[in-house]
């Protein structure tokens, strides 16, 4: 399972949940305030999940953790990922993606 596919699924579900306008506003703020010019939110999700998570929490507050937990759980089930690749609290996104990365090898 590609980490980029997981990122695409989570971000797609986040867009559906927040609505296109709100999602794009969050991503735009993330990219403007937290990321280098050549880094997209999707790349950040995969390469620097800690930064992605922090930016999302800074922008959305504690609701971001609830959203990530819900969306990661849905993607975990749909893509039949290991239960070790789950998000329960702040800091878990990096662990979750590392677990998926190990499963790819």
Protein backbone atom coordinates (compact mmCIF):
# COMPACT_ATOMS: atom_id res chain seq x y z
CA UNK A 1 0.00 0.00 0.00
CA UNK A 2 1.45 3.33 -1.05
CA UNK A 3 1.67 6.02 1.60
CA UNK A 4 0.70 8.49 -1.13
CA UNK A 5 -2.50 6.51 -1.72
CA UNK A 6 -3.30 6.69 1.99
CA UNK A 7 -2.60 10.44 1.94
CA UNK A 8 -4.86 10.89 -1.09
CA UNK A 9 -7.67 8.95 0.58
CA UNK A 10 -7.41 10.86 3.88
CA UNK A 11 -7.25 14.25 2.15
CA UNK A 12 -10.14 13.37 -0.15
CA UNK A 13 -12.26 12.34 2.82
CA UNK A 14 -11.25 15.51 4.66
CA UNK A 15 -12.42 17.57 1.69
CA UNK A 16 -15.77 15.74 1.69
CA UNK A 17 -16.16 16.27 5.43
CA UNK A 18 -15.20 19.96 5.54
CA UNK A 19 -16.63 20.90 2.16
CA UNK A 20 -14.51 22.05 -0.75
CA UNK A 21 -14.32 25.74 0.21
CA UNK A 22 -13.33 25.12 3.84
CA UNK A 23 -10.91 22.35 2.89
CA UNK A 24 -9.13 24.51 0.32
CA UNK A 25 -8.98 27.41 2.79
CA UNK A 26 -7.33 25.14 5.39
CA UNK A 27 -4.87 23.74 2.85
CA UNK A 28 -4.07 27.22 1.52
CA UNK A 29 -3.38 28.50 5.06
CA UNK A 30 -1.26 25.42 5.80
CA UNK A 31 0.79 25.86 2.64
CA UNK A 32 1.23 29.62 3.17
CA UNK A 33 2.11 29.56 6.87
CA UNK A 34 3.71 26.18 7.56
CA UNK A 35 5.25 24.78 4.36
CA UNK A 36 8.07 25.74 2.03
CA UNK A 37 7.01 27.13 -1.35
CA UNK A 38 7.67 23.89 -3.22
CA UNK A 39 5.95 21.58 -0.71
CA UNK A 40 2.27 20.65 -1.07
CA UNK A 41 0.03 19.60 1.80
CA UNK A 42 -0.03 16.06 0.39
CA UNK A 43 3.77 15.91 0.27
CA UNK A 44 3.90 17.24 3.82
CA UNK A 45 1.37 14.61 4.96
CA UNK A 46 3.66 11.88 3.63
CA UNK A 47 7.13 13.30 4.26
CA UNK A 48 6.58 15.37 7.42
CA UNK A 49 3.38 14.09 9.06
CA UNK A 50 4.36 15.76 12.35
CA UNK A 51 4.32 19.18 10.63
CA UNK A 52 1.08 18.41 8.78
CA UNK A 53 -0.60 17.38 12.02
CA UNK A 54 0.66 20.41 13.95
CA UNK A 55 -0.46 22.79 11.20
CA UNK A 56 -3.89 21.18 11.07
CA UNK A 57 -4.29 21.39 14.86
CA UNK A 58 -3.12 25.01 14.85
CA UNK A 59 -5.68 25.86 12.16
CA UNK A 60 -8.67 23.78 13.31
CA UNK A 61 -7.96 23.38 17.01
CA UNK A 62 -8.72 20.17 18.87
CA UNK A 63 -11.29 19.23 16.23
CA UNK A 64 -8.35 18.34 13.97
CA UNK A 65 -7.45 15.36 16.16
CA UNK A 66 -11.03 14.09 16.06
CA UNK A 67 -11.13 14.54 12.29
CA UNK A 68 -7.80 12.75 11.77
CA UNK A 69 -8.86 9.87 14.03
CA UNK A 70 -12.14 9.43 12.18
CA UNK A 71 -10.67 9.72 8.68
CA UNK A 72 -7.64 7.53 9.38
CA UNK A 73 -9.91 4.88 10.86
CA UNK A 74 -12.12 4.91 7.75
CA UNK A 75 -9.13 4.64 5.43
CA UNK A 76 -7.59 1.93 7.61
CA UNK A 77 -10.74 -0.18 7.25
CA UNK A 78 -11.29 0.52 3.55
CA UNK A 79 -7.69 -0.22 2.55
CA UNK A 80 -7.41 -3.13 5.01
CA UNK A 81 -4.39 -1.67 6.80
CA UNK A 82 -2.90 -3.04 9.99
CA UNK A 83 -4.57 -1.98 13.24
CA UNK A 84 -1.13 -0.73 14.27
CA UNK A 85 -1.65 1.98 11.65
CA UNK A 86 -4.27 3.84 13.65
CA UNK A 87 -4.65 7.40 14.85
CA UNK A 88 -5.91 7.99 18.38
CA UNK A 89 -4.11 11.12 19.61
CA UNK A 90 -1.73 13.86 18.63
CA UNK A 91 1.54 12.40 17.39
CA UNK A 92 -0.01 9.22 16.00
CA UNK A 93 -0.01 10.33 12.36
CA UNK A 94 3.76 9.94 12.11
CA UNK A 95 3.61 6.50 13.79
CA UNK A 96 0.71 5.44 11.57
CA UNK A 97 2.52 6.36 8.37
CA UNK A 98 5.76 4.74 9.55
CA UNK A 99 3.82 1.52 10.16
CA UNK A 100 2.33 1.65 6.67
CA UNK A 101 5.78 2.33 5.23
CA UNK A 102 7.17 -0.77 6.94
CA UNK A 103 4.30 -2.85 5.55
CA UNK A 104 5.24 -1.78 2.03
CA UNK A 105 8.67 -3.40 2.28
